[in-house]
Amino acid sequence: MLVAGVDVGARNISVVVFRDDKVISSVLLTSGGEGTAASRVALAAALEKTGLEPTDLQAVVATGCGGESVTLAQRQSAEVVCQAKGAYFLFPSVRTVLNLGAESSRAIRVGDTGRVEAFAKNDKCAAGSGLFLETMAKVLEVPLEEMGELSLQAEGFEEVSGICAVFAESEVISHIHRGVPKDRILAGLHKAVVGRIQEVLAKVGVRKDVVVTGGVGRNRAIVKELADKIGQSIIVPPEPQLVGALGAALIARDLAAKSRQ
């Protein structure tokens, strides 16, 4: 059976097309702020790789903060459920999922069968999110995708409070004016971000194995700092931004199977 999962995030839209027990196509696009049109474009792009049409799909499930904009979806599913299902499908040993997205950080405790047992979310302060890193990249005039690598080159770090994104930005500007090297500032910023992530993680606890999903998972400095803090290795999928869409596709597969009965 052919199904699809669509994850509409604050910055990107990801689509996973699933047939039977295998991912046959995937796409990650910038949403551009228009979820309905962008989700159709993303879904069409994913299907184009397979030579199939939207009418060939037996079920579509949407998730993410803009999931309601996916008009082709038969169902919307909670982000934490989709992140957990996607991570468990890829790594059955996972017991803790950290979803580090553009606007928020989520810690999810996963049971032996992949079900969500508990979760916590931080969306009141941007300091633990991708948007925070994006803002700091602009302030420091460093490409977002290079922040992590530059941070790892630093000898020492310059402390950034991380209490509030606005205050952190002021601190960073102050450090720049004092001539502090950018790599040291970045190292301090990454420590501040990990501190915020740890606060969320502490609410559900850390159980091995830990899988990080979401765009921030591409930042090696964040992953390394977090692994050092919790004292265990962290698994990052090859495409961490597709995990939510994968989970939605798995739910769509179950939905299609039920409709056949």
C-alpha atoms as a PDB file:
ATOM      1  CA  MET A   1       0.000   0.000   0.000  1.00  0.00           C
ATOM      2  CA  LEU A   2       1.118   3.526  -0.789  1.00  0.00           C
ATOM      3  CA  VAL A   3       0.830   6.274   1.856  1.00  0.00           C
ATOM      4  CA  ALA A   4       2.444   9.581   2.767  1.00  0.00           C
ATOM      5  CA  GLY A   5       3.271  11.633   5.849  1.00  0.00           C
ATOM      6  CA  VAL A   6       3.559  15.421   5.738  1.00  0.00           C
ATOM      7  CA  ASP A   7       5.223  17.447   8.492  1.00  0.00           C
ATOM      8  CA  VAL A   8       4.589  21.191   8.278  1.00  0.00           C
ATOM      9  CA  GLY A   9       7.011  22.960  10.594  1.00  0.00           C
ATOM     10  CA  ALA A  10       7.708  26.598  11.333  1.00  0.00           C
ATOM     11  CA  ARG A  11      10.422  26.731   8.691  1.00  0.00           C
ATOM     12  CA  ASN A  12      10.237  23.621   6.543  1.00  0.00           C
ATOM     13  CA  ILE A  13       7.861  21.054   5.122  1.00  0.00           C
ATOM     14  CA  SER A  14       8.977  17.450   4.928  1.00  0.00           C
ATOM     15  CA  VAL A  15       7.239  14.619   3.110  1.00  0.00           C
ATOM     16  CA  VAL A  16       7.849  10.893   3.286  1.00  0.00           C
ATOM     17  CA  VAL A  17       6.209   8.489   0.836  1.00  0.00           C
ATOM     18  CA  PHE A  18       5.966   4.974   2.232  1.00  0.00           C
ATOM     19  CA  ARG A  19       5.116   1.737   0.465  1.00  0.00           C
ATOM     20  CA  ASP A  20       4.578  -1.384   2.541  1.00  0.00           C
ATOM     21  CA  ASP A  21       7.593  -1.364   4.899  1.00  0.00           C
ATOM     22  CA  LYS A  22       9.912   0.937   2.989  1.00  0.00           C
ATOM     23  CA  VAL A  23      10.452   4.641   2.388  1.00  0.00           C
ATOM     24  CA  ILE A  24      10.445   5.103  -1.389  1.00  0.00           C
ATOM     25  CA  SER A  25      10.707   8.885  -1.556  1.00  0.00           C
ATOM     26  CA  SER A  26      11.207  11.956   0.612  1.00  0.00           C
ATOM     27  CA  VAL A  27      11.408  15.734   0.225  1.00  0.00           C
ATOM     28  CA  LEU A  28      12.390  18.642   2.466  1.00  0.00           C
ATOM     29  CA  LEU A  29      11.386  22.136   1.344  1.00  0.00           C
ATOM     30  CA  THR A  30      11.240  25.606   2.868  1.00  0.00           C
ATOM     31  CA  SER A  31       7.595  26.415   3.567  1.00  0.00           C
ATOM     32  CA  GLY A  32       7.756  30.111   2.750  1.00  0.00           C
ATOM     33  CA  GLY A  33       4.939  30.742   5.223  1.00  0.00           C
ATOM     34  CA  GLU A  34       2.189  29.306   3.010  1.00  0.00           C
ATOM     35  CA  GLY A  35       1.408  25.849   4.307  1.00  0.00           C
ATOM     36  CA  THR A  36      -1.407  24.772   1.970  1.00  0.00           C
ATOM     37  CA  ALA A  37       0.340  25.591  -1.286  1.00  0.00           C
ATOM     38  CA  ALA A  38       3.754  24.515  -0.040  1.00  0.00           C
ATOM     39  CA  SER A  39       2.487  21.160   1.230  1.00  0.00           C
ATOM     40  CA  ARG A  40       0.964  20.409  -2.168  1.00  0.00           C
ATOM     41  CA  VAL A  41       4.224  21.328  -3.886  1.00  0.00           C
ATOM     42  CA  ALA A  42       6.243  19.185  -1.473  1.00  0.00           C
ATOM     43  CA  LEU A  43       3.941  16.191  -1.827  1.00  0.00           C
ATOM     44  CA  ALA A  44       3.958  16.489  -5.618  1.00  0.00           C
ATOM     45  CA  ALA A  45       7.761  16.701  -5.603  1.00  0.00           C
ATOM     46  CA  ALA A  46       8.051  13.557  -3.479  1.00  0.00           C
ATOM     47  CA  LEU A  47       5.645  11.646  -5.702  1.00  0.00           C
ATOM     48  CA  GLU A  48       7.342  12.879  -8.871  1.00  0.00           C
ATOM     49  CA  LYS A  49      10.425  10.887  -7.880  1.00  0.00           C
ATOM     50  CA  THR A  50       8.357   7.708  -7.975  1.00  0.00           C
ATOM     51  CA  GLY A  51       6.298   8.410 -11.091  1.00  0.00           C
ATOM     52  CA  LEU A  52       3.115   8.248  -9.009  1.00  0.00           C
ATOM     53  CA  GLU A  53       0.232  10.690  -8.568  1.00  0.00           C
ATOM     54  CA  PRO A  54      -1.592  11.966  -5.450  1.00  0.00           C
ATOM     55  CA  THR A  55      -4.577   9.859  -6.504  1.00  0.00           C
ATOM     56  CA  ASP A  56      -2.425   6.731  -6.047  1.00  0.00           C
ATOM     57  CA  LEU A  57      -2.085   7.416  -2.312  1.00  0.00           C
ATOM     58  CA  GLN A  58      -4.305   5.352  -0.042  1.00  0.00           C
ATOM     59  CA  ALA A  59      -3.823   7.605   2.983  1.00  0.00           C
ATOM     60  CA  VAL A  60      -2.117  10.847   3.967  1.00  0.00           C
ATOM     61  CA  VAL A  61      -1.473  11.927   7.559  1.00  0.00           C
ATOM     62  CA  ALA A  62      -0.253  15.408   8.497  1.00  0.00           C
ATOM     63  CA  THR A  63       1.590  16.651  11.544  1.00  0.00           C
ATOM     64  CA  GLY A  64       3.490  19.720  12.708  1.00  0.00           C
ATOM     65  CA  CYS A  65       2.393  23.194  13.761  1.00  0.00           C
ATOM     66  CA  GLY A  66       0.873  23.735  10.309  1.00  0.00           C
ATOM     67  CA  GLY A  67      -0.572  20.276   9.851  1.00  0.00           C
ATOM     68  CA  GLU A  68      -4.113  21.612   9.450  1.00  0.00           C
ATOM     69  CA  SER A  69      -3.032  23.265   6.179  1.00  0.00           C
ATOM     70  CA  VAL A  70      -2.559  19.888   4.468  1.00  0.00           C
ATOM     71  CA  THR A  71      -5.957  19.602   2.799  1.00  0.00           C
ATOM     72  CA  LEU A  72      -5.165  16.189   1.272  1.00  0.00           C
ATOM     73  CA  ALA A  73      -4.672  14.605   4.695  1.00  0.00           C
ATOM     74  CA  GLN A  74      -7.294  12.272   6.130  1.00  0.00           C
ATOM     75  CA  ARG A  75      -5.978  12.811   9.632  1.00  0.00           C
ATOM     76  CA  GLN A  76      -3.720  15.042  11.706  1.00  0.00           C
ATOM     77  CA  SER A  77      -1.504  13.498  14.341  1.00  0.00           C
ATOM     78  CA  ALA A  78       0.327  15.056  17.290  1.00  0.00           C
ATOM     79  CA  GLU A  79       3.958  15.972  16.707  1.00  0.00           C
ATOM     80  CA  VAL A  80       5.244  14.035  19.718  1.00  0.00           C
ATOM     81  CA  VAL A  81       3.513  10.866  18.530  1.00  0.00           C
ATOM     82  CA  CYS A  82       4.948  11.176  15.022  1.00  0.00           C
ATOM     83  CA  GLN A  83       8.455  11.959  16.264  1.00  0.00           C
ATOM     84  CA  ALA A  84       8.342   8.937  18.581  1.00  0.00           C
ATOM     85  CA  LYS A  85       6.997   6.576  15.900  1.00  0.00           C
ATOM     86  CA  GLY A  86       9.510   7.744  13.331  1.00  0.00           C
ATOM     87  CA  ALA A  87      12.468   7.470  15.706  1.00  0.00           C
ATOM     88  CA  TYR A  88      11.347   4.030  16.928  1.00  0.00           C
ATOM     89  CA  PHE A  89      10.995   2.753  13.361  1.00  0.00           C
ATOM     90  CA  LEU A  90      14.577   3.814  12.606  1.00  0.00           C
ATOM     91  CA  PHE A  91      16.039   2.825  15.980  1.00  0.00           C
ATOM     92  CA  PRO A  92      13.927   0.320  17.978  1.00  0.00           C
ATOM     93  CA  SER A  93      16.305   0.730  20.939  1.00  0.00           C
ATOM     94  CA  VAL A  94      15.310   4.385  21.407  1.00  0.00           C
ATOM     95  CA  ARG A  95      13.816   5.305  24.764  1.00  0.00           C
ATOM     96  CA  THR A  96      14.341   9.092  24.691  1.00  0.00           C
ATOM     97  CA  VAL A  97      13.641  11.340  21.718  1.00  0.00           C
ATOM     98  CA  LEU A  98      14.780  14.952  21.650  1.00  0.00           C
ATOM     99  CA  ASN A  99      12.997  16.878  18.926  1.00  0.00           C
ATOM    100  CA  LEU A 100      14.943  20.109  18.408  1.00  0.00           C
ATOM    101  CA  GLY A 101      13.015  22.242  15.946  1.00  0.00           C
ATOM    102  CA  ALA A 102      12.854  25.831  14.787  1.00  0.00           C
ATOM    103  CA  GLU A 103      10.516  27.131  17.491  1.00  0.00           C
ATOM    104  CA  SER A 104      10.666  24.643  20.347  1.00  0.00           C
ATOM    105  CA  SER A 105      12.451  21.732  21.992  1.00  0.00           C
ATOM    106  CA  ARG A 106      10.643  18.556  23.009  1.00  0.00           C
ATOM    107  CA  ALA A 107      11.780  15.677  25.158  1.00  0.00           C
ATOM    108  CA  ILE A 108       9.820  12.455  24.676  1.00  0.00           C
ATOM    109  CA  ARG A 109      10.048   9.285  26.737  1.00  0.00           C
ATOM    110  CA  VAL A 110       9.359   6.250  24.576  1.00  0.00           C
ATOM    111  CA  GLY A 111       8.225   2.835  25.751  1.00  0.00           C
ATOM    112  CA  ASP A 112       9.327  -0.603  24.624  1.00  0.00           C
ATOM    113  CA  THR A 113       6.782  -0.619  21.799  1.00  0.00           C
ATOM    114  CA  GLY A 114       7.454   2.925  20.627  1.00  0.00           C
ATOM    115  CA  ARG A 115       4.500   4.522  22.396  1.00  0.00           C
ATOM    116  CA  VAL A 116       4.855   7.910  24.061  1.00  0.00           C
ATOM    117  CA  GLU A 117       5.015   7.547  27.844  1.00  0.00           C
ATOM    118  CA  ALA A 118       5.693  11.184  28.726  1.00  0.00           C
ATOM    119  CA  PHE A 119       6.848  14.386  27.081  1.00  0.00           C
ATOM    120  CA  ALA A 120       7.834  17.945  27.896  1.00  0.00           C
ATOM    121  CA  LYS A 121       8.076  21.000  25.686  1.00  0.00           C
ATOM    122  CA  ASN A 122       9.793  24.354  25.895  1.00  0.00           C
ATOM    123  CA  ASP A 123       8.251  27.016  23.691  1.00  0.00           C
ATOM    124  CA  LYS A 124       8.171  29.922  26.148  1.00  0.00           C
ATOM    125  CA  CYS A 125      11.773  30.914  25.497  1.00  0.00           C
ATOM    126  CA  ALA A 126      13.486  30.758  22.114  1.00  0.00           C
ATOM    127  CA  ALA A 127      16.914  30.113  23.616  1.00  0.00           C
ATOM    128  CA  GLY A 128      16.660  26.347  23.087  1.00  0.00           C
ATOM    129  CA  SER A 129      15.462  26.483  19.492  1.00  0.00           C
ATOM    130  CA  GLY A 130      16.665  26.673  15.917  1.00  0.00           C
ATOM    131  CA  LEU A 131      15.311  30.210  15.567  1.00  0.00           C
ATOM    132  CA  PHE A 132      17.602  31.304  18.390  1.00  0.00           C
ATOM    133  CA  LEU A 133      20.616  29.869  16.571  1.00  0.00           C
ATOM    134  CA  GLU A 134      19.447  31.472  13.334  1.00  0.00           C
ATOM    135  CA  THR A 135      19.206  34.869  15.023  1.00  0.00           C
ATOM    136  CA  MET A 136      22.640  34.515  16.582  1.00  0.00           C
ATOM    137  CA  ALA A 137      24.109  33.465  13.225  1.00  0.00           C
ATOM    138  CA  LYS A 138      22.888  36.741  11.742  1.00  0.00           C
ATOM    139  CA  VAL A 139      24.266  38.779  14.638  1.00  0.00           C
ATOM    140  CA  LEU A 140      27.647  37.103  14.329  1.00  0.00           C
ATOM    141  CA  GLU A 141      27.521  37.125  10.514  1.00  0.00           C
ATOM    142  CA  VAL A 142      28.256  33.398  10.393  1.00  0.00           C
ATOM    143  CA  PRO A 143      26.404  30.995   8.049  1.00  0.00           C
ATOM    144  CA  LEU A 144      23.943  28.942  10.102  1.00  0.00           C
ATOM    145  CA  GLU A 145      25.264  25.654   8.745  1.00  0.00           C
ATOM    146  CA  GLU A 146      28.827  26.573   9.823  1.00  0.00           C
ATOM    147  CA  MET A 147      28.051  27.561  13.426  1.00  0.00           C
ATOM    148  CA  GLY A 148      28.573  24.139  14.923  1.00  0.00           C
ATOM    149  CA  GLU A 149      31.857  23.411  13.185  1.00  0.00           C
ATOM    150  CA  LEU A 150      33.287  26.824  14.093  1.00  0.00           C
ATOM    151  CA  SER A 151      32.228  26.348  17.698  1.00  0.00           C
ATOM    152  CA  LEU A 152      34.070  23.023  17.874  1.00  0.00           C
ATOM    153  CA  GLN A 153      37.303  24.781  16.893  1.00  0.00           C
ATOM    154  CA  ALA A 154      37.192  27.143  19.886  1.00  0.00           C
ATOM    155  CA  GLU A 155      39.721  26.999  22.698  1.00  0.00           C
ATOM    156  CA  GLY A 156      37.519  27.826  25.647  1.00  0.00           C
ATOM    157  CA  PHE A 157      34.269  29.760  25.532  1.00  0.00           C
ATOM    158  CA  GLU A 158      32.710  33.098  26.409  1.00  0.00           C
ATOM    159  CA  GLU A 159      29.740  32.689  28.721  1.00  0.00           C
ATOM    160  CA  VAL A 160      26.274  33.605  27.466  1.00  0.00           C
ATOM    161  CA  SER A 161      23.469  33.504  30.025  1.00  0.00           C
ATOM    162  CA  GLY A 162      20.853  31.988  27.741  1.00  0.00           C
ATOM    163  CA  ILE A 163      18.126  33.102  30.148  1.00  0.00           C
ATOM    164  CA  CYS A 164      16.328  34.977  27.393  1.00  0.00           C
ATOM    165  CA  ALA A 165      16.972  35.255  23.654  1.00  0.00           C
ATOM    166  CA  VAL A 166      16.846  39.062  23.819  1.00  0.00           C
ATOM    167  CA  PHE A 167      19.351  39.214  26.687  1.00  0.00           C
ATOM    168  CA  ALA A 168      21.574  36.650  24.991  1.00  0.00           C
ATOM    169  CA  GLU A 169      21.648  38.752  21.830  1.00  0.00           C
ATOM    170  CA  SER A 170      22.730  41.786  23.864  1.00  0.00           C
ATOM    171  CA  GLU A 171      25.494  39.733  25.464  1.00  0.00           C
ATOM    172  CA  VAL A 172      26.709  38.509  22.100  1.00  0.00           C
ATOM    173  CA  ILE A 173      26.837  42.055  20.712  1.00  0.00           C
ATOM    174  CA  SER A 174      28.776  43.133  23.800  1.00  0.00           C
ATOM    175  CA  HIS A 175      31.267  40.276  23.295  1.00  0.00           C
ATOM    176  CA  ILE A 176      31.718  41.281  19.650  1.00  0.00           C
ATOM    177  CA  HIS A 177      32.422  44.889  20.608  1.00  0.00           C
ATOM    178  CA  ARG A 178      35.035  43.699  23.117  1.00  0.00           C
ATOM    179  CA  GLY A 179      36.795  41.776  20.356  1.00  0.00           C
ATOM    180  CA  VAL A 180      36.043  38.277  21.633  1.00  0.00           C
ATOM    181  CA  PRO A 181      36.732  35.705  18.860  1.00  0.00           C
ATOM    182  CA  LYS A 182      33.575  34.434  17.187  1.00  0.00           C
ATOM    183  CA  ASP A 183      34.391  30.793  17.839  1.00  0.00           C
ATOM    184  CA  ARG A 184      34.537  31.440  21.610  1.00  0.00           C
ATOM    185  CA  ILE A 185      31.212  33.289  21.489  1.00  0.00           C
ATOM    186  CA  LEU A 186      29.689  30.428  19.522  1.00  0.00           C
ATOM    187  CA  ALA A 187      30.996  27.902  22.022  1.00  0.00           C
ATOM    188  CA  GLY A 188      29.284  29.855  24.803  1.00  0.00           C
ATOM    189  CA  LEU A 189      26.080  30.093  22.809  1.00  0.00           C
ATOM    190  CA  HIS A 190      26.009  26.357  22.221  1.00  0.00           C
ATOM    191  CA  LYS A 191      26.484  25.707  25.917  1.00  0.00           C
ATOM    192  CA  ALA A 192      23.570  28.061  26.658  1.00  0.00           C
ATOM    193  CA  VAL A 193      21.335  26.274  24.145  1.00  0.00           C
ATOM    194  CA  VAL A 194      22.202  22.870  25.596  1.00  0.00           C
ATOM    195  CA  GLY A 195      21.425  24.218  29.059  1.00  0.00           C
ATOM    196  CA  ARG A 196      17.895  25.063  27.933  1.00  0.00           C
ATOM    197  CA  ILE A 197      17.513  21.670  26.279  1.00  0.00           C
ATOM    198  CA  GLN A 198      18.629  19.945  29.478  1.00  0.00           C
ATOM    199  CA  GLU A 199      15.883  21.720  31.420  1.00  0.00           C
ATOM    200  CA  VAL A 200      13.279  20.138  29.142  1.00  0.00           C
ATOM    201  CA  LEU A 201      15.010  16.765  29.175  1.00  0.00           C
ATOM    202  CA  ALA A 202      15.095  16.731  32.979  1.00  0.00           C
ATOM    203  CA  LYS A 203      11.288  16.758  33.045  1.00  0.00           C
ATOM    204  CA  VAL A 204      11.072  13.308  31.431  1.00  0.00           C
ATOM    205  CA  GLY A 205      14.459  11.870  32.384  1.00  0.00           C
ATOM    206  CA  VAL A 206      17.152  10.342  30.207  1.00  0.00           C
ATOM    207  CA  ARG A 207      16.887   6.705  29.190  1.00  0.00           C
ATOM    208  CA  LYS A 208      19.180   5.038  26.696  1.00  0.00           C
ATOM    209  CA  ASP A 209      19.160   5.157  23.697  1.00  0.00           C
ATOM    210  CA  VAL A 210      18.763   8.868  22.979  1.00  0.00           C
ATOM    211  CA  VAL A 211      17.812   9.988  19.471  1.00  0.00           C
ATOM    212  CA  VAL A 212      17.861  13.626  18.346  1.00  0.00           C
ATOM    213  CA  THR A 213      15.480  14.726  15.586  1.00  0.00           C
ATOM    214  CA  GLY A 214      14.776  18.084  13.962  1.00  0.00           C
ATOM    215  CA  GLY A 215      16.996  20.584  12.173  1.00  0.00           C
ATOM    216  CA  VAL A 216      19.117  21.443  15.219  1.00  0.00           C
ATOM    217  CA  GLY A 217      20.273  17.821  15.170  1.00  0.00           C
ATOM    218  CA  ARG A 218      22.469  18.768  12.222  1.00  0.00           C
ATOM    219  CA  ASN A 219      24.559  20.964  14.509  1.00  0.00           C
ATOM    220  CA  ARG A 220      27.453  18.762  15.672  1.00  0.00           C
ATOM    221  CA  ALA A 221      28.434  21.133  18.459  1.00  0.00           C
ATOM    222  CA  ILE A 222      24.979  20.922  20.040  1.00  0.00           C
ATOM    223  CA  VAL A 223      24.965  17.130  19.818  1.00  0.00           C
ATOM    224  CA  LYS A 224      28.491  16.806  21.232  1.00  0.00           C
ATOM    225  CA  GLU A 225      27.855  19.220  24.118  1.00  0.00           C
ATOM    226  CA  LEU A 226      24.597  17.476  24.970  1.00  0.00           C
ATOM    227  CA  ALA A 227      26.208  14.032  24.861  1.00  0.00           C
ATOM    228  CA  ASP A 228      28.937  15.264  27.215  1.00  0.00           C
ATOM    229  CA  LYS A 229      26.367  16.708  29.624  1.00  0.00           C
ATOM    230  CA  ILE A 230      24.170  13.604  29.835  1.00  0.00           C
ATOM    231  CA  GLY A 231      27.122  11.225  29.820  1.00  0.00           C
ATOM    232  CA  GLN A 232      26.059   9.015  26.944  1.00  0.00           C
ATOM    233  CA  SER A 233      26.205   8.851  23.181  1.00  0.00           C
ATOM    234  CA  ILE A 234      23.442  10.353  21.047  1.00  0.00           C
ATOM    235  CA  ILE A 235      22.046   8.946  17.819  1.00  0.00           C
ATOM    236  CA  VAL A 236      21.282  11.371  14.997  1.00  0.00           C
ATOM    237  CA  PRO A 237      19.417   9.985  11.952  1.00  0.00           C
ATOM    238  CA  PRO A 238      20.898  10.736   8.520  1.00  0.00           C
ATOM    239  CA  GLU A 239      17.914  13.039   7.851  1.00  0.00           C
ATOM    240  CA  PRO A 240      16.768  14.268  11.283  1.00  0.00           C
ATOM    241  CA  GLN A 241      14.210  16.683   9.780  1.00  0.00           C
ATOM    242  CA  LEU A 242      12.294  13.828   8.116  1.00  0.00           C
ATOM    243  CA  VAL A 243      11.555  11.816  11.274  1.00  0.00           C
ATOM    244  CA  GLY A 244       8.195  13.513  11.980  1.00  0.00           C
ATOM    245  CA  ALA A 245       7.002  12.957   8.415  1.00  0.00           C
ATOM    246  CA  LEU A 246       8.130   9.332   8.651  1.00  0.00           C
ATOM    247  CA  GLY A 247       6.076   8.876  11.804  1.00  0.00           C
ATOM    248  CA  ALA A 248       3.059  10.425  10.077  1.00  0.00           C
ATOM    249  CA  ALA A 249       3.546   8.048   7.127  1.00  0.00           C
ATOM    250  CA  LEU A 250       3.594   5.081   9.514  1.00  0.00           C
ATOM    251  CA  ILE A 251       0.295   6.247  11.005  1.00  0.00           C
ATOM    252  CA  ALA A 252      -1.066   6.625   7.471  1.00  0.00           C
ATOM    253  CA  ARG A 253      -0.025   3.035   6.747  1.00  0.00           C
ATOM    254  CA  ASP A 254      -1.978   1.834   9.792  1.00  0.00           C
ATOM    255  CA  LEU A 255      -4.945   3.943   8.719  1.00  0.00           C
ATOM    256  CA  ALA A 256      -4.921   2.461   5.235  1.00  0.00           C
ATOM    257  CA  ALA A 257      -4.626  -1.060   6.613  1.00  0.00           C
ATOM    258  CA  LYS A 258      -7.689  -0.537   8.846  1.00  0.00           C
ATOM    259  CA  SER A 259      -9.725   0.774   5.932  1.00  0.00           C
ATOM    260  CA  ARG A 260      -9.059  -2.474   4.089  1.00  0.00           C
ATOM    261  CA  GLN A 261     -10.509  -4.609   6.866  1.00  0.00           C
END
